[in-house]
Amino acid sequence: MLLRQVFEFHGYEVIEAGDGEEGCRTARLEMPDLIVMDLQMPVMDGLTAIKALKSEEATRDIKIMAVTSFAMKADLEKTVEAGADYYMAKPLNIRELPEIVKRLINQ
């Protein structure tokens, strides 16, 4: 809810998915500029969803920001190996978030 409010305040359109599988389906249909992917989701976890999207030609160039409450170095490494373009540990710094999103989208 907080992320939705921050993104909408900064003029971004937000499309939500309830789990990793739905997120992958939605990404294939909507082709967003950026996906904010929570790593802890039901049905299909975030790492699996990132790997799936990055392995498909149609979705591999979509930028993915992984968000997690895990902040261990191994978690960062697994996320990067899965193909995430950025890793952010919770609690999120909502003051920095809009600038990070802008950089990712413009890469």
C-alpha atoms as a PDB file:
ATOM      1  CA  MET A   1       0.000   0.000   0.000  1.00  0.00           C
ATOM      2  CA  LEU A   2       2.836   2.380   0.884  1.00  0.00           C
ATOM      3  CA  LEU A   3       4.665   1.651  -2.363  1.00  0.00           C
ATOM      4  CA  ARG A   4       1.469   2.238  -4.343  1.00  0.00           C
ATOM      5  CA  GLN A   5       1.022   5.627  -2.696  1.00  0.00           C
ATOM      6  CA  VAL A   6       4.641   6.656  -3.277  1.00  0.00           C
ATOM      7  CA  PHE A   7       4.596   5.596  -6.927  1.00  0.00           C
ATOM      8  CA  GLU A   8       1.254   7.224  -7.664  1.00  0.00           C
ATOM      9  CA  PHE A   9       2.354  10.437  -5.921  1.00  0.00           C
ATOM     10  CA  HIS A  10       5.296  10.543  -8.343  1.00  0.00           C
ATOM     11  CA  GLY A  11       3.069   9.983 -11.344  1.00  0.00           C
ATOM     12  CA  TYR A  12       3.590   6.283 -12.006  1.00  0.00           C
ATOM     13  CA  GLU A  13       0.789   3.919 -12.954  1.00  0.00           C
ATOM     14  CA  VAL A  14       0.701   0.944 -10.589  1.00  0.00           C
ATOM     15  CA  ILE A  15      -0.464  -2.552 -11.506  1.00  0.00           C
ATOM     16  CA  GLU A  16      -0.529  -5.078  -8.672  1.00  0.00           C
ATOM     17  CA  ALA A  17      -0.323  -8.856  -8.514  1.00  0.00           C
ATOM     18  CA  GLY A  18      -1.052 -11.025  -5.490  1.00  0.00           C
ATOM     19  CA  ASP A  19       1.595 -13.689  -6.054  1.00  0.00           C
ATOM     20  CA  GLY A  20       4.579 -14.502  -8.230  1.00  0.00           C
ATOM     21  CA  GLU A  21       2.643 -16.518 -10.787  1.00  0.00           C
ATOM     22  CA  GLU A  22       0.086 -13.745 -11.252  1.00  0.00           C
ATOM     23  CA  GLY A  23       2.959 -11.254 -11.401  1.00  0.00           C
ATOM     24  CA  CYS A  24       4.571 -13.129 -14.293  1.00  0.00           C
ATOM     25  CA  ARG A  25       1.270 -13.341 -16.185  1.00  0.00           C
ATOM     26  CA  THR A  26       0.613  -9.657 -15.621  1.00  0.00           C
ATOM     27  CA  ALA A  27       4.134  -8.700 -16.721  1.00  0.00           C
ATOM     28  CA  ARG A  28       3.720 -10.642 -19.968  1.00  0.00           C
ATOM     29  CA  LEU A  29       0.422  -8.876 -20.697  1.00  0.00           C
ATOM     30  CA  GLU A  30       1.264  -5.352 -19.547  1.00  0.00           C
ATOM     31  CA  MET A  31       5.005  -5.156 -20.343  1.00  0.00           C
ATOM     32  CA  PRO A  32       5.744  -2.609 -17.591  1.00  0.00           C
ATOM     33  CA  ASP A  33       8.845  -0.420 -17.458  1.00  0.00           C
ATOM     34  CA  LEU A  34       9.656  -1.719 -13.979  1.00  0.00           C
ATOM     35  CA  ILE A  35       8.613  -4.580 -11.723  1.00  0.00           C
ATOM     36  CA  VAL A  36       8.971  -4.261  -7.964  1.00  0.00           C
ATOM     37  CA  MET A  37       9.204  -7.883  -6.914  1.00  0.00           C
ATOM     38  CA  ASP A  38       8.832  -9.006  -3.321  1.00  0.00           C
ATOM     39  CA  LEU A  39      10.918 -12.124  -2.842  1.00  0.00           C
ATOM     40  CA  GLN A  40       8.505 -13.665  -0.326  1.00  0.00           C
ATOM     41  CA  MET A  41       5.257 -14.366  -2.166  1.00  0.00           C
ATOM     42  CA  PRO A  42       2.814 -17.245  -2.254  1.00  0.00           C
ATOM     43  CA  VAL A  43       2.375 -19.657  -5.177  1.00  0.00           C
ATOM     44  CA  MET A  44       5.685 -18.672  -6.847  1.00  0.00           C
ATOM     45  CA  ASP A  45       8.401 -16.917  -4.852  1.00  0.00           C
ATOM     46  CA  GLY A  46      10.097 -13.793  -6.171  1.00  0.00           C
ATOM     47  CA  LEU A  47      13.393 -15.457  -7.122  1.00  0.00           C
ATOM     48  CA  THR A  48      11.575 -18.026  -9.252  1.00  0.00           C
ATOM     49  CA  ALA A  49       9.459 -15.295 -10.846  1.00  0.00           C
ATOM     50  CA  ILE A  50      12.530 -13.168 -11.631  1.00  0.00           C
ATOM     51  CA  LYS A  51      14.289 -16.152 -13.225  1.00  0.00           C
ATOM     52  CA  ALA A  52      11.196 -16.928 -15.304  1.00  0.00           C
ATOM     53  CA  LEU A  53      10.804 -13.363 -16.569  1.00  0.00           C
ATOM     54  CA  LYS A  54      14.508 -12.899 -17.292  1.00  0.00           C
ATOM     55  CA  SER A  55      14.640 -16.201 -19.208  1.00  0.00           C
ATOM     56  CA  GLU A  56      11.901 -15.175 -21.644  1.00  0.00           C
ATOM     57  CA  GLU A  57      12.819 -13.086 -24.659  1.00  0.00           C
ATOM     58  CA  ALA A  58       9.698 -10.924 -24.404  1.00  0.00           C
ATOM     59  CA  THR A  59      10.228  -9.956 -20.756  1.00  0.00           C
ATOM     60  CA  ARG A  60      13.990 -10.200 -20.197  1.00  0.00           C
ATOM     61  CA  ASP A  61      14.577  -6.456 -20.649  1.00  0.00           C
ATOM     62  CA  ILE A  62      11.976  -5.374 -18.102  1.00  0.00           C
ATOM     63  CA  LYS A  63      13.799  -3.858 -15.137  1.00  0.00           C
ATOM     64  CA  ILE A  64      13.182  -5.695 -11.866  1.00  0.00           C
ATOM     65  CA  MET A  65      13.740  -4.254  -8.400  1.00  0.00           C
ATOM     66  CA  ALA A  66      13.780  -7.027  -5.805  1.00  0.00           C
ATOM     67  CA  VAL A  67      12.434  -6.084  -2.389  1.00  0.00           C
ATOM     68  CA  THR A  68      12.935  -8.259   0.662  1.00  0.00           C
ATOM     69  CA  SER A  69      13.136  -8.283   4.414  1.00  0.00           C
ATOM     70  CA  PHE A  70      16.237 -10.482   4.079  1.00  0.00           C
ATOM     71  CA  ALA A  71      19.397  -8.405   4.116  1.00  0.00           C
ATOM     72  CA  MET A  72      22.127 -11.014   4.140  1.00  0.00           C
ATOM     73  CA  LYS A  73      24.901 -10.957   1.539  1.00  0.00           C
ATOM     74  CA  ALA A  74      23.849 -14.410   0.304  1.00  0.00           C
ATOM     75  CA  ASP A  75      20.328 -13.093  -0.355  1.00  0.00           C
ATOM     76  CA  LEU A  76      21.744 -10.256  -2.435  1.00  0.00           C
ATOM     77  CA  GLU A  77      23.895 -12.707  -4.401  1.00  0.00           C
ATOM     78  CA  LYS A  78      20.934 -15.046  -5.070  1.00  0.00           C
ATOM     79  CA  THR A  79      18.842 -12.107  -6.233  1.00  0.00           C
ATOM     80  CA  VAL A  80      21.517 -10.844  -8.603  1.00  0.00           C
ATOM     81  CA  GLU A  81      22.063 -14.384  -9.933  1.00  0.00           C
ATOM     82  CA  ALA A  82      18.317 -14.646 -10.604  1.00  0.00           C
ATOM     83  CA  GLY A  83      18.580 -11.547 -12.798  1.00  0.00           C
ATOM     84  CA  ALA A  84      17.266  -8.689 -10.677  1.00  0.00           C
ATOM     85  CA  ASP A  85      18.456  -5.253 -11.752  1.00  0.00           C
ATOM     86  CA  TYR A  86      18.346  -3.805  -8.241  1.00  0.00           C
ATOM     87  CA  TYR A  87      18.036  -5.148  -4.683  1.00  0.00           C
ATOM     88  CA  MET A  88      16.453  -3.216  -1.836  1.00  0.00           C
ATOM     89  CA  ALA A  89      16.125  -4.503   1.722  1.00  0.00           C
ATOM     90  CA  LYS A  90      13.243  -3.523   3.968  1.00  0.00           C
ATOM     91  CA  PRO A  91      12.569  -1.177   5.600  1.00  0.00           C
ATOM     92  CA  LEU A  92      12.466   0.803   2.362  1.00  0.00           C
ATOM     93  CA  ASN A  93      13.722   4.342   2.220  1.00  0.00           C
ATOM     94  CA  ILE A  94      10.776   5.994   0.484  1.00  0.00           C
ATOM     95  CA  ARG A  95      12.718   9.236   0.041  1.00  0.00           C
ATOM     96  CA  GLU A  96      15.356   7.484  -2.092  1.00  0.00           C
ATOM     97  CA  LEU A  97      12.916   5.168  -3.869  1.00  0.00           C
ATOM     98  CA  PRO A  98      11.643   7.607  -6.554  1.00  0.00           C
ATOM     99  CA  GLU A  99      15.196   8.452  -7.642  1.00  0.00           C
ATOM    100  CA  ILE A 100      16.181   4.777  -7.797  1.00  0.00           C
ATOM    101  CA  VAL A 101      13.075   4.008  -9.872  1.00  0.00           C
ATOM    102  CA  LYS A 102      13.840   6.856 -12.255  1.00  0.00           C
ATOM    103  CA  ARG A 103      17.420   5.623 -12.721  1.00  0.00           C
ATOM    104  CA  LEU A 104      16.304   2.046 -13.368  1.00  0.00           C
ATOM    105  CA  ILE A 105      13.660   3.049 -15.902  1.00  0.00           C
ATOM    106  CA  ASN A 106      16.078   5.321 -17.754  1.00  0.00           C
ATOM    107  CA  GLN A 107      18.915   2.762 -17.976  1.00  0.00           C
END
